[in-house]
Amino acid sequence: MEMEYAYPDHLTRAEALTRRADKLHSWLQRDEYAVYRDENSIDNLLELIDLIIYALEYGLPDPEWQRFRRSFKLCHRKIREEFETPEELVQTYNAVIVELKITLEEYKLAVQLAA
């Protein structure tokens, strides 16, 4: 996983942050994240959530960012819980993927409104 952290000169800050969120959103659609296969899937998703937080945390003023940070951290916490059945784990995993995608879309809107 590699993420560009500097904003390209030809893009505004909002465009660069939107592009970054789009890239992270597209990663969530890759099989290595979108499909639960085994315990490695959880480790991969946890690593991606950490990257999402790191890549986006300075894009919005702190009060606005905290809402998104809480949502990403909640996803992180949900996927680390103990599950009684494999089906419950897969269901939670899929729900976390959906929640991450929704939160990234909301983040993009917040960035565009802040511009």
PDB file of N, CA and C in Angstrom:
ATOM      1  N   MET A   1       0.839  -1.176   0.000  1.00  0.00           N
ATOM      2  CA  MET A   1       0.000   0.000   0.000  1.00  0.00           C
ATOM      3  C   MET A   1       0.882   1.237   0.000  1.00  0.00           C
ATOM      4  N   GLU A   2       0.712   2.053  -0.983  1.00  0.00           N
ATOM      5  CA  GLU A   2       1.431   3.316  -0.995  1.00  0.00           C
ATOM      6  C   GLU A   2       0.447   4.441  -1.199  1.00  0.00           C
ATOM      7  N   MET A   3       0.674   5.527  -0.484  1.00  0.00           N
ATOM      8  CA  MET A   3      -0.200   6.682  -0.561  1.00  0.00           C
ATOM      9  C   MET A   3       0.675   7.900  -0.778  1.00  0.00           C
ATOM     10  N   GLU A   4       0.281   8.736  -1.722  1.00  0.00           N
ATOM     11  CA  GLU A   4       0.987   9.995  -1.940  1.00  0.00           C
ATOM     12  C   GLU A   4       0.478  10.979  -0.895  1.00  0.00           C
ATOM     13  N   TYR A   5       1.397  11.618  -0.167  1.00  0.00           N
ATOM     14  CA  TYR A   5       0.971  12.528   0.882  1.00  0.00           C
ATOM     15  C   TYR A   5       1.101  13.992   0.491  1.00  0.00           C
ATOM     16  N   ALA A   6       1.919  14.293  -0.482  1.00  0.00           N
ATOM     17  CA  ALA A   6       2.042  15.673  -0.944  1.00  0.00           C
ATOM     18  C   ALA A   6       0.954  15.942  -1.975  1.00  0.00           C
ATOM     19  N   TYR A   7       0.462  17.167  -1.984  1.00  0.00           N
ATOM     20  CA  TYR A   7      -0.550  17.538  -2.965  1.00  0.00           C
ATOM     21  C   TYR A   7       0.142  17.892  -4.274  1.00  0.00           C
ATOM     22  N   PRO A   8      -0.276  17.315  -5.391  1.00  0.00           N
ATOM     23  CA  PRO A   8       0.305  17.699  -6.681  1.00  0.00           C
ATOM     24  C   PRO A   8       0.056  19.184  -6.952  1.00  0.00           C
ATOM     25  N   ASP A   9       1.006  19.826  -7.598  1.00  0.00           N
ATOM     26  CA  ASP A   9       0.933  21.269  -7.831  1.00  0.00           C
ATOM     27  C   ASP A   9      -0.290  21.695  -8.627  1.00  0.00           C
ATOM     28  N   HIS A  10      -0.746  20.863  -9.544  1.00  0.00           N
ATOM     29  CA  HIS A  10      -1.843  21.265 -10.414  1.00  0.00           C
ATOM     30  C   HIS A  10      -3.226  21.074  -9.774  1.00  0.00           C
ATOM     31  N   LEU A  11      -3.275  20.549  -8.558  1.00  0.00           N
ATOM     32  CA  LEU A  11      -4.555  20.331  -7.887  1.00  0.00           C
ATOM     33  C   LEU A  11      -4.712  21.269  -6.698  1.00  0.00           C
ATOM     34  N   THR A  12      -5.941  21.678  -6.444  1.00  0.00           N
ATOM     35  CA  THR A  12      -6.194  22.419  -5.213  1.00  0.00           C
ATOM     36  C   THR A  12      -6.155  21.432  -4.058  1.00  0.00           C
ATOM     37  N   ARG A  13      -6.093  21.946  -2.874  1.00  0.00           N
ATOM     38  CA  ARG A  13      -6.066  21.089  -1.686  1.00  0.00           C
ATOM     39  C   ARG A  13      -7.307  20.198  -1.649  1.00  0.00           C
ATOM     40  N   ALA A  14      -8.476  20.779  -1.904  1.00  0.00           N
ATOM     41  CA  ALA A  14      -9.729  20.009  -1.880  1.00  0.00           C
ATOM     42  C   ALA A  14      -9.726  18.921  -2.947  1.00  0.00           C
ATOM     43  N   GLU A  15      -9.217  19.243  -4.128  1.00  0.00           N
ATOM     44  CA  GLU A  15      -9.151  18.236  -5.199  1.00  0.00           C
ATOM     45  C   GLU A  15      -8.212  17.095  -4.820  1.00  0.00           C
ATOM     46  N   ALA A  16      -7.086  17.451  -4.219  1.00  0.00           N
ATOM     47  CA  ALA A  16      -6.118  16.425  -3.821  1.00  0.00           C
ATOM     48  C   ALA A  16      -6.688  15.525  -2.725  1.00  0.00           C
ATOM     49  N   LEU A  17      -7.378  16.119  -1.755  1.00  0.00           N
ATOM     50  CA  LEU A  17      -7.975  15.321  -0.682  1.00  0.00           C
ATOM     51  C   LEU A  17      -9.106  14.445  -1.203  1.00  0.00           C
ATOM     52  N   THR A  18      -9.875  14.979  -2.140  1.00  0.00           N
ATOM     53  CA  THR A  18     -10.950  14.192  -2.752  1.00  0.00           C
ATOM     54  C   THR A  18     -10.358  13.024  -3.522  1.00  0.00           C
ATOM     55  N   ARG A  19      -9.297  13.284  -4.259  1.00  0.00           N
ATOM     56  CA  ARG A  19      -8.631  12.221  -5.011  1.00  0.00           C
ATOM     57  C   ARG A  19      -8.069  11.155  -4.068  1.00  0.00           C
ATOM     58  N   ARG A  20      -7.514  11.594  -2.954  1.00  0.00           N
ATOM     59  CA  ARG A  20      -6.974  10.662  -1.963  1.00  0.00           C
ATOM     60  C   ARG A  20      -8.098   9.784  -1.386  1.00  0.00           C
ATOM     61  N   ALA A  21      -9.220  10.401  -1.047  1.00  0.00           N
ATOM     62  CA  ALA A  21     -10.359   9.635  -0.520  1.00  0.00           C
ATOM     63  C   ALA A  21     -10.887   8.661  -1.569  1.00  0.00           C
ATOM     64  N   ASP A  22     -10.919   9.090  -2.828  1.00  0.00           N
ATOM     65  CA  ASP A  22     -11.352   8.193  -3.915  1.00  0.00           C
ATOM     66  C   ASP A  22     -10.419   6.987  -4.036  1.00  0.00           C
ATOM     67  N   LYS A  23      -9.127   7.246  -3.901  1.00  0.00           N
ATOM     68  CA  LYS A  23      -8.149   6.156  -4.002  1.00  0.00           C
ATOM     69  C   LYS A  23      -8.354   5.154  -2.867  1.00  0.00           C
ATOM     70  N   LEU A  24      -8.562   5.653  -1.658  1.00  0.00           N
ATOM     71  CA  LEU A  24      -8.802   4.774  -0.514  1.00  0.00           C
ATOM     72  C   LEU A  24     -10.105   3.996  -0.698  1.00  0.00           C
ATOM     73  N   HIS A  25     -11.113   4.680  -1.229  1.00  0.00           N
ATOM     74  CA  HIS A  25     -12.399   4.025  -1.509  1.00  0.00           C
ATOM     75  C   HIS A  25     -12.203   2.898  -2.520  1.00  0.00           C
ATOM     76  N   SER A  26     -11.391   3.140  -3.539  1.00  0.00           N
ATOM     77  CA  SER A  26     -11.158   2.102  -4.551  1.00  0.00           C
ATOM     78  C   SER A  26     -10.407   0.907  -3.951  1.00  0.00           C
ATOM     79  N   TRP A  27      -9.524   1.164  -2.988  1.00  0.00           N
ATOM     80  CA  TRP A  27      -8.831   0.058  -2.331  1.00  0.00           C
ATOM     81  C   TRP A  27      -9.817  -0.843  -1.593  1.00  0.00           C
ATOM     82  N   LEU A  28     -10.873  -0.246  -1.034  1.00  0.00           N
ATOM     83  CA  LEU A  28     -11.877  -1.043  -0.321  1.00  0.00           C
ATOM     84  C   LEU A  28     -12.632  -1.988  -1.253  1.00  0.00           C
ATOM     85  N   GLN A  29     -12.530  -1.751  -2.552  1.00  0.00           N
ATOM     86  CA  GLN A  29     -13.209  -2.608  -3.519  1.00  0.00           C
ATOM     87  C   GLN A  29     -12.309  -3.739  -4.017  1.00  0.00           C
ATOM     88  N   ARG A  30     -11.040  -3.701  -3.660  1.00  0.00           N
ATOM     89  CA  ARG A  30     -10.123  -4.781  -4.044  1.00  0.00           C
ATOM     90  C   ARG A  30     -10.460  -6.039  -3.256  1.00  0.00           C
ATOM     91  N   ASP A  31     -10.231  -7.181  -3.873  1.00  0.00           N
ATOM     92  CA  ASP A  31     -10.529  -8.455  -3.209  1.00  0.00           C
ATOM     93  C   ASP A  31      -9.799  -8.623  -1.884  1.00  0.00           C
ATOM     94  N   GLU A  32      -8.594  -8.087  -1.787  1.00  0.00           N
ATOM     95  CA  GLU A  32      -7.829  -8.270  -0.553  1.00  0.00           C
ATOM     96  C   GLU A  32      -8.485  -7.586   0.647  1.00  0.00           C
ATOM     97  N   TYR A  33      -9.381  -6.621   0.401  1.00  0.00           N
ATOM     98  CA  TYR A  33     -10.101  -5.949   1.484  1.00  0.00           C
ATOM     99  C   TYR A  33     -11.597  -6.247   1.446  1.00  0.00           C
ATOM    100  N   ALA A  34     -12.183  -6.281   0.278  1.00  0.00           N
ATOM    101  CA  ALA A  34     -13.637  -6.372   0.137  1.00  0.00           C
ATOM    102  C   ALA A  34     -14.198  -7.742   0.476  1.00  0.00           C
ATOM    103  N   VAL A  35     -13.377  -8.774   0.393  1.00  0.00           N
ATOM    104  CA  VAL A  35     -13.860 -10.140   0.603  1.00  0.00           C
ATOM    105  C   VAL A  35     -13.143 -10.759   1.799  1.00  0.00           C
ATOM    106  N   TYR A  36     -13.922 -11.212   2.778  1.00  0.00           N
ATOM    107  CA  TYR A  36     -13.318 -11.894   3.925  1.00  0.00           C
ATOM    108  C   TYR A  36     -12.905 -13.295   3.504  1.00  0.00           C
ATOM    109  N   ARG A  37     -11.631 -13.618   3.708  1.00  0.00           N
ATOM    110  CA  ARG A  37     -11.120 -14.943   3.359  1.00  0.00           C
ATOM    111  C   ARG A  37     -10.654 -15.712   4.602  1.00  0.00           C
ATOM    112  N   ASP A  38      -9.914 -15.017   5.461  1.00  0.00           N
ATOM    113  CA  ASP A  38      -9.369 -15.643   6.664  1.00  0.00           C
ATOM    114  C   ASP A  38      -8.908 -14.533   7.602  1.00  0.00           C
ATOM    115  N   GLU A  39      -8.185 -14.902   8.653  1.00  0.00           N
ATOM    116  CA  GLU A  39      -7.718 -13.910   9.626  1.00  0.00           C
ATOM    117  C   GLU A  39      -6.833 -12.834   8.986  1.00  0.00           C
ATOM    118  N   ASN A  40      -6.143 -13.166   7.922  1.00  0.00           N
ATOM    119  CA  ASN A  40      -5.327 -12.164   7.227  1.00  0.00           C
ATOM    120  C   ASN A  40      -6.190 -11.048   6.667  1.00  0.00           C
ATOM    121  N   SER A  41      -7.412 -11.352   6.306  1.00  0.00           N
ATOM    122  CA  SER A  41      -8.329 -10.325   5.806  1.00  0.00           C
ATOM    123  C   SER A  41      -8.553  -9.259   6.873  1.00  0.00           C
ATOM    124  N   ILE A  42      -8.700  -9.699   8.106  1.00  0.00           N
ATOM    125  CA  ILE A  42      -8.899  -8.753   9.203  1.00  0.00           C
ATOM    126  C   ILE A  42      -7.651  -7.903   9.394  1.00  0.00           C
ATOM    127  N   ASP A  43      -6.493  -8.525   9.399  1.00  0.00           N
ATOM    128  CA  ASP A  43      -5.242  -7.771   9.548  1.00  0.00           C
ATOM    129  C   ASP A  43      -5.073  -6.755   8.425  1.00  0.00           C
ATOM    130  N   ASN A  44      -5.374  -7.156   7.205  1.00  0.00           N
ATOM    131  CA  ASN A  44      -5.273  -6.239   6.062  1.00  0.00           C
ATOM    132  C   ASN A  44      -6.229  -5.064   6.215  1.00  0.00           C
ATOM    133  N   LEU A  45      -7.457  -5.349   6.640  1.00  0.00           N
ATOM    134  CA  LEU A  45      -8.437  -4.280   6.792  1.00  0.00           C
ATOM    135  C   LEU A  45      -8.051  -3.336   7.926  1.00  0.00           C
ATOM    136  N   LEU A  46      -7.566  -3.869   9.031  1.00  0.00           N
ATOM    137  CA  LEU A  46      -7.121  -3.015  10.135  1.00  0.00           C
ATOM    138  C   LEU A  46      -5.983  -2.101   9.694  1.00  0.00           C
ATOM    139  N   GLU A  47      -5.069  -2.637   8.921  1.00  0.00           N
ATOM    140  CA  GLU A  47      -3.958  -1.836   8.396  1.00  0.00           C
ATOM    141  C   GLU A  47      -4.477  -0.735   7.468  1.00  0.00           C
ATOM    142  N   LEU A  48      -5.455  -1.066   6.641  1.00  0.00           N
ATOM    143  CA  LEU A  48      -6.022  -0.066   5.739  1.00  0.00           C
ATOM    144  C   LEU A  48      -6.760   1.020   6.518  1.00  0.00           C
ATOM    145  N   ILE A  49      -7.487   0.651   7.550  1.00  0.00           N
ATOM    146  CA  ILE A  49      -8.184   1.657   8.365  1.00  0.00           C
ATOM    147  C   ILE A  49      -7.170   2.601   8.997  1.00  0.00           C
ATOM    148  N   ASP A  50      -6.072   2.069   9.505  1.00  0.00           N
ATOM    149  CA  ASP A  50      -5.014   2.925  10.063  1.00  0.00           C
ATOM    150  C   ASP A  50      -4.466   3.872   8.999  1.00  0.00           C
ATOM    151  N   LEU A  51      -4.283   3.367   7.793  1.00  0.00           N
ATOM    152  CA  LEU A  51      -3.792   4.198   6.694  1.00  0.00           C
ATOM    153  C   LEU A  51      -4.807   5.282   6.334  1.00  0.00           C
ATOM    154  N   ILE A  52      -6.078   4.939   6.320  1.00  0.00           N
ATOM    155  CA  ILE A  52      -7.127   5.923   6.026  1.00  0.00           C
ATOM    156  C   ILE A  52      -7.052   7.065   7.029  1.00  0.00           C
ATOM    157  N   ILE A  53      -6.966   6.725   8.298  1.00  0.00           N
ATOM    158  CA  ILE A  53      -6.897   7.758   9.341  1.00  0.00           C
ATOM    159  C   ILE A  53      -5.657   8.620   9.143  1.00  0.00           C
ATOM    160  N   TYR A  54      -4.524   8.001   8.922  1.00  0.00           N
ATOM    161  CA  TYR A  54      -3.273   8.733   8.737  1.00  0.00           C
ATOM    162  C   TYR A  54      -3.322   9.626   7.497  1.00  0.00           C
ATOM    163  N   ALA A  55      -3.868   9.115   6.412  1.00  0.00           N
ATOM    164  CA  ALA A  55      -3.868   9.848   5.143  1.00  0.00           C
ATOM    165  C   ALA A  55      -4.831  11.025   5.132  1.00  0.00           C
ATOM    166  N   LEU A  56      -5.880  10.963   5.936  1.00  0.00           N
ATOM    167  CA  LEU A  56      -6.914  11.996   5.858  1.00  0.00           C
ATOM    168  C   LEU A  56      -6.969  12.928   7.062  1.00  0.00           C
ATOM    169  N   GLU A  57      -6.215  12.637   8.115  1.00  0.00           N
ATOM    170  CA  GLU A  57      -6.422  13.346   9.371  1.00  0.00           C
ATOM    171  C   GLU A  57      -6.155  14.850   9.330  1.00  0.00           C
ATOM    172  N   TYR A  58      -5.342  15.324   8.426  1.00  0.00           N
ATOM    173  CA  TYR A  58      -5.065  16.763   8.397  1.00  0.00           C
ATOM    174  C   TYR A  58      -5.811  17.480   7.279  1.00  0.00           C
ATOM    175  N   GLY A  59      -6.764  16.817   6.676  1.00  0.00           N
ATOM    176  CA  GLY A  59      -7.505  17.410   5.569  1.00  0.00           C
ATOM    177  C   GLY A  59      -8.582  18.383   5.983  1.00  0.00           C
ATOM    178  N   LEU A  60      -9.094  18.214   7.187  1.00  0.00           N
ATOM    179  CA  LEU A  60     -10.162  19.076   7.691  1.00  0.00           C
ATOM    180  C   LEU A  60      -9.737  19.669   9.026  1.00  0.00           C
ATOM    181  N   PRO A  61     -10.330  20.809   9.399  1.00  0.00           N
ATOM    182  CA  PRO A  61     -10.055  21.343  10.734  1.00  0.00           C
ATOM    183  C   PRO A  61     -10.423  20.300  11.798  1.00  0.00           C
ATOM    184  N   ASP A  62      -9.729  20.327  12.909  1.00  0.00           N
ATOM    185  CA  ASP A  62      -9.878  19.290  13.926  1.00  0.00           C
ATOM    186  C   ASP A  62     -11.321  19.017  14.357  1.00  0.00           C
ATOM    187  N   PRO A  63     -12.132  20.033  14.653  1.00  0.00           N
ATOM    188  CA  PRO A  63     -13.502  19.712  15.086  1.00  0.00           C
ATOM    189  C   PRO A  63     -14.296  18.922  14.034  1.00  0.00           C
ATOM    190  N   GLU A  64     -14.113  19.257  12.783  1.00  0.00           N
ATOM    191  CA  GLU A  64     -14.809  18.533  11.715  1.00  0.00           C
ATOM    192  C   GLU A  64     -14.215  17.140  11.530  1.00  0.00           C
ATOM    193  N   TRP A  65     -12.899  17.033  11.630  1.00  0.00           N
ATOM    194  CA  TRP A  65     -12.226  15.750  11.424  1.00  0.00           C
ATOM    195  C   TRP A  65     -12.615  14.732  12.493  1.00  0.00           C
ATOM    196  N   GLN A  66     -12.845  15.168  13.728  1.00  0.00           N
ATOM    197  CA  GLN A  66     -13.101  14.238  14.829  1.00  0.00           C
ATOM    198  C   GLN A  66     -14.287  13.315  14.556  1.00  0.00           C
ATOM    199  N   ARG A  67     -15.307  13.814  13.894  1.00  0.00           N
ATOM    200  CA  ARG A  67     -16.470  12.984  13.556  1.00  0.00           C
ATOM    201  C   ARG A  67     -16.051  11.815  12.667  1.00  0.00           C
ATOM    202  N   PHE A  68     -15.227  12.098  11.681  1.00  0.00           N
ATOM    203  CA  PHE A  68     -14.762  11.049  10.766  1.00  0.00           C
ATOM    204  C   PHE A  68     -13.794  10.107  11.472  1.00  0.00           C
ATOM    205  N   ARG A  69     -12.921  10.668  12.285  1.00  0.00           N
ATOM    206  CA  ARG A  69     -11.967   9.848  13.030  1.00  0.00           C
ATOM    207  C   ARG A  69     -12.700   8.857  13.926  1.00  0.00           C
ATOM    208  N   ARG A  70     -13.741   9.342  14.620  1.00  0.00           N
ATOM    209  CA  ARG A  70     -14.528   8.448  15.478  1.00  0.00           C
ATOM    210  C   ARG A  70     -15.154   7.318  14.671  1.00  0.00           C
ATOM    211  N   SER A  71     -15.673   7.640  13.506  1.00  0.00           N
ATOM    212  CA  SER A  71     -16.300   6.624  12.663  1.00  0.00           C
ATOM    213  C   SER A  71     -15.282   5.583  12.206  1.00  0.00           C
ATOM    214  N   PHE A  72     -14.107   6.032  11.767  1.00  0.00           N
ATOM    215  CA  PHE A  72     -13.063   5.096  11.345  1.00  0.00           C
ATOM    216  C   PHE A  72     -12.584   4.238  12.524  1.00  0.00           C
ATOM    217  N   LYS A  73     -12.412   4.856  13.688  1.00  0.00           N
ATOM    218  CA  LYS A  73     -11.976   4.115  14.876  1.00  0.00           C
ATOM    219  C   LYS A  73     -13.035   3.097  15.308  1.00  0.00           C
ATOM    220  N   LEU A  74     -14.311   3.462  15.181  1.00  0.00           N
ATOM    221  CA  LEU A  74     -15.383   2.532  15.519  1.00  0.00           C
ATOM    222  C   LEU A  74     -15.347   1.316  14.593  1.00  0.00           C
ATOM    223  N   CYS A  75     -15.102   1.540  13.327  1.00  0.00           N
ATOM    224  CA  CYS A  75     -14.955   0.425  12.380  1.00  0.00           C
ATOM    225  C   CYS A  75     -13.788  -0.462  12.797  1.00  0.00           C
ATOM    226  N   HIS A  76     -12.702   0.165  13.190  1.00  0.00           N
ATOM    227  CA  HIS A  76     -11.512  -0.559  13.643  1.00  0.00           C
ATOM    228  C   HIS A  76     -11.869  -1.446  14.838  1.00  0.00           C
ATOM    229  N   ARG A  77     -12.599  -0.866  15.782  1.00  0.00           N
ATOM    230  CA  ARG A  77     -12.982  -1.591  16.992  1.00  0.00           C
ATOM    231  C   ARG A  77     -13.938  -2.748  16.683  1.00  0.00           C
ATOM    232  N   LYS A  78     -14.908  -2.494  15.805  1.00  0.00           N
ATOM    233  CA  LYS A  78     -15.902  -3.521  15.467  1.00  0.00           C
ATOM    234  C   LYS A  78     -15.248  -4.765  14.881  1.00  0.00           C
ATOM    235  N   ILE A  79     -14.284  -4.567  14.014  1.00  0.00           N
ATOM    236  CA  ILE A  79     -13.683  -5.709  13.323  1.00  0.00           C
ATOM    237  C   ILE A  79     -12.740  -6.491  14.245  1.00  0.00           C
ATOM    238  N   ARG A  80     -12.351  -5.894  15.362  1.00  0.00           N
ATOM    239  CA  ARG A  80     -11.456  -6.577  16.300  1.00  0.00           C
ATOM    240  C   ARG A  80     -12.209  -7.332  17.395  1.00  0.00           C
ATOM    241  N   GLU A  81     -13.531  -7.226  17.415  1.00  0.00           N
ATOM    242  CA  GLU A  81     -14.330  -7.901  18.440  1.00  0.00           C
ATOM    243  C   GLU A  81     -14.240  -9.417  18.301  1.00  0.00           C
ATOM    244  N   GLU A  82     -14.633 -10.097  19.363  1.00  0.00           N
ATOM    245  CA  GLU A  82     -14.752 -11.557  19.333  1.00  0.00           C
ATOM    246  C   GLU A  82     -16.131 -11.899  18.775  1.00  0.00           C
ATOM    247  N   PHE A  83     -16.190 -12.883  17.902  1.00  0.00           N
ATOM    248  CA  PHE A  83     -17.453 -13.273  17.285  1.00  0.00           C
ATOM    249  C   PHE A  83     -17.773 -14.716  17.642  1.00  0.00           C
ATOM    250  N   GLU A  84     -19.054 -14.965  17.867  1.00  0.00           N
ATOM    251  CA  GLU A  84     -19.479 -16.312  18.265  1.00  0.00           C
ATOM    252  C   GLU A  84     -19.482 -17.287  17.098  1.00  0.00           C
ATOM    253  N   THR A  85     -19.775 -16.783  15.905  1.00  0.00           N
ATOM    254  CA  THR A  85     -19.834 -17.672  14.740  1.00  0.00           C
ATOM    255  C   THR A  85     -19.069 -17.057  13.576  1.00  0.00           C
ATOM    256  N   PRO A  86     -18.595 -17.866  12.662  1.00  0.00           N
ATOM    257  CA  PRO A  86     -17.942 -17.330  11.459  1.00  0.00           C
ATOM    258  C   PRO A  86     -18.891 -16.455  10.636  1.00  0.00           C
ATOM    259  N   GLU A  87     -20.165 -16.797  10.634  1.00  0.00           N
ATOM    260  CA  GLU A  87     -21.145 -16.007   9.883  1.00  0.00           C
ATOM    261  C   GLU A  87     -21.268 -14.599  10.457  1.00  0.00           C
ATOM    262  N   GLU A  88     -21.227 -14.504  11.793  1.00  0.00           N
ATOM    263  CA  GLU A  88     -21.294 -13.202  12.450  1.00  0.00           C
ATOM    264  C   GLU A  88     -20.066 -12.363  12.091  1.00  0.00           C
ATOM    265  N   LEU A  89     -18.916 -12.994  12.040  1.00  0.00           N
ATOM    266  CA  LEU A  89     -17.686 -12.309  11.653  1.00  0.00           C
ATOM    267  C   LEU A  89     -17.788 -11.774  10.230  1.00  0.00           C
ATOM    268  N   VAL A  90     -18.233 -12.603   9.299  1.00  0.00           N
ATOM    269  CA  VAL A  90     -18.350 -12.186   7.897  1.00  0.00           C
ATOM    270  C   VAL A  90     -19.373 -11.066   7.765  1.00  0.00           C
ATOM    271  N   GLN A  91     -20.479 -11.173   8.480  1.00  0.00           N
ATOM    272  CA  GLN A  91     -21.510 -10.134   8.425  1.00  0.00           C
ATOM    273  C   GLN A  91     -20.960  -8.806   8.953  1.00  0.00           C
ATOM    274  N   THR A  92     -20.246  -8.844  10.055  1.00  0.00           N
ATOM    275  CA  THR A  92     -19.651  -7.627  10.611  1.00  0.00           C
ATOM    276  C   THR A  92     -18.582  -7.076   9.678  1.00  0.00           C
ATOM    277  N   TYR A  93     -17.770  -7.940   9.126  1.00  0.00           N
ATOM    278  CA  TYR A  93     -16.722  -7.527   8.189  1.00  0.00           C
ATOM    279  C   TYR A  93     -17.343  -6.765   7.016  1.00  0.00           C
ATOM    280  N   ASN A  94     -18.389  -7.336   6.432  1.00  0.00           N
ATOM    281  CA  ASN A  94     -19.061  -6.690   5.300  1.00  0.00           C
ATOM    282  C   ASN A  94     -19.689  -5.363   5.701  1.00  0.00           C
ATOM    283  N   ALA A  95     -20.269  -5.307   6.902  1.00  0.00           N
ATOM    284  CA  ALA A  95     -20.871  -4.062   7.388  1.00  0.00           C
ATOM    285  C   ALA A  95     -19.805  -2.986   7.590  1.00  0.00           C
ATOM    286  N   VAL A  96     -18.633  -3.375   8.060  1.00  0.00           N
ATOM    287  CA  VAL A  96     -17.539  -2.419   8.255  1.00  0.00           C
ATOM    288  C   VAL A  96     -17.073  -1.870   6.910  1.00  0.00           C
ATOM    289  N   ILE A  97     -16.973  -2.711   5.906  1.00  0.00           N
ATOM    290  CA  ILE A  97     -16.583  -2.245   4.567  1.00  0.00           C
ATOM    291  C   ILE A  97     -17.576  -1.196   4.075  1.00  0.00           C
ATOM    292  N   VAL A  98     -18.861  -1.472   4.228  1.00  0.00           N
ATOM    293  CA  VAL A  98     -19.900  -0.522   3.795  1.00  0.00           C
ATOM    294  C   VAL A  98     -19.781   0.779   4.581  1.00  0.00           C
ATOM    295  N   GLU A  99     -19.604   0.690   5.891  1.00  0.00           N
ATOM    296  CA  GLU A  99     -19.483   1.879   6.731  1.00  0.00           C
ATOM    297  C   GLU A  99     -18.259   2.708   6.343  1.00  0.00           C
ATOM    298  N   LEU A 100     -17.158   2.067   6.049  1.00  0.00           N
ATOM    299  CA  LEU A 100     -15.961   2.796   5.617  1.00  0.00           C
ATOM    300  C   LEU A 100     -16.210   3.533   4.305  1.00  0.00           C
ATOM    301  N   LYS A 101     -16.870   2.884   3.363  1.00  0.00           N
ATOM    302  CA  LYS A 101     -17.170   3.526   2.078  1.00  0.00           C
ATOM    303  C   LYS A 101     -18.078   4.735   2.270  1.00  0.00           C
ATOM    304  N   ILE A 102     -19.095   4.585   3.101  1.00  0.00           N
ATOM    305  CA  ILE A 102     -20.016   5.699   3.368  1.00  0.00           C
ATOM    306  C   ILE A 102     -19.272   6.847   4.030  1.00  0.00           C
ATOM    307  N   THR A 103     -18.439   6.541   5.002  1.00  0.00           N
ATOM    308  CA  THR A 103     -17.696   7.582   5.713  1.00  0.00           C
ATOM    309  C   THR A 103     -16.733   8.302   4.776  1.00  0.00           C
ATOM    310  N   LEU A 104     -16.098   7.581   3.873  1.00  0.00           N
ATOM    311  CA  LEU A 104     -15.211   8.231   2.898  1.00  0.00           C
ATOM    312  C   LEU A 104     -15.998   9.159   1.979  1.00  0.00           C
ATOM    313  N   GLU A 105     -17.187   8.762   1.570  1.00  0.00           N
ATOM    314  CA  GLU A 105     -18.023   9.633   0.732  1.00  0.00           C
ATOM    315  C   GLU A 105     -18.432  10.887   1.504  1.00  0.00           C
ATOM    316  N   GLU A 106     -18.794  10.729   2.771  1.00  0.00           N
ATOM    317  CA  GLU A 106     -19.144  11.884   3.602  1.00  0.00           C
ATOM    318  C   GLU A 106     -17.936  12.794   3.806  1.00  0.00           C
ATOM    319  N   TYR A 107     -16.772  12.207   3.957  1.00  0.00           N
ATOM    320  CA  TYR A 107     -15.539  12.982   4.100  1.00  0.00           C
ATOM    321  C   TYR A 107     -15.310  13.837   2.854  1.00  0.00           C
ATOM    322  N   LYS A 108     -15.480  13.232   1.683  1.00  0.00           N
ATOM    323  CA  LYS A 108     -15.296  13.982   0.431  1.00  0.00           C
ATOM    324  C   LYS A 108     -16.245  15.175   0.369  1.00  0.00           C
ATOM    325  N   LEU A 109     -17.485  14.978   0.763  1.00  0.00           N
ATOM    326  CA  LEU A 109     -18.444  16.090   0.770  1.00  0.00           C
ATOM    327  C   LEU A 109     -18.008  17.181   1.741  1.00  0.00           C
ATOM    328  N   ALA A 110     -17.538  16.795   2.911  1.00  0.00           N
ATOM    329  CA  ALA A 110     -17.081  17.776   3.896  1.00  0.00           C
ATOM    330  C   ALA A 110     -15.887  18.568   3.375  1.00  0.00           C
ATOM    331  N   VAL A 111     -14.975  17.902   2.687  1.00  0.00           N
ATOM    332  CA  VAL A 111     -13.807  18.581   2.109  1.00  0.00           C
ATOM    333  C   VAL A 111     -14.258  19.581   1.051  1.00  0.00           C
ATOM    334  N   GLN A 112     -15.185  19.181   0.209  1.00  0.00           N
ATOM    335  CA  GLN A 112     -15.670  20.070  -0.848  1.00  0.00           C
ATOM    336  C   GLN A 112     -16.417  21.266  -0.266  1.00  0.00           C
ATOM    337  N   LEU A 113     -17.178  21.052   0.802  1.00  0.00           N
ATOM    338  CA  LEU A 113     -17.886  22.161   1.443  1.00  0.00           C
ATOM    339  C   LEU A 113     -16.930  23.104   2.160  1.00  0.00           C
ATOM    340  N   ALA A 114     -15.838  22.567   2.677  1.00  0.00           N
ATOM    341  CA  ALA A 114     -14.859  23.388   3.392  1.00  0.00           C
ATOM    342  C   ALA A 114     -13.993  24.210   2.447  1.00  0.00           C
ATOM    343  N   ALA A 115     -13.971  23.833   1.168  1.00  0.00           N
ATOM    344  CA  ALA A 115     -13.108  24.520   0.193  1.00  0.00           C
ATOM    345  C   ALA A 115     -13.608  25.915  -0.111  1.00  0.00           C
TER     346      ALA A 115
END
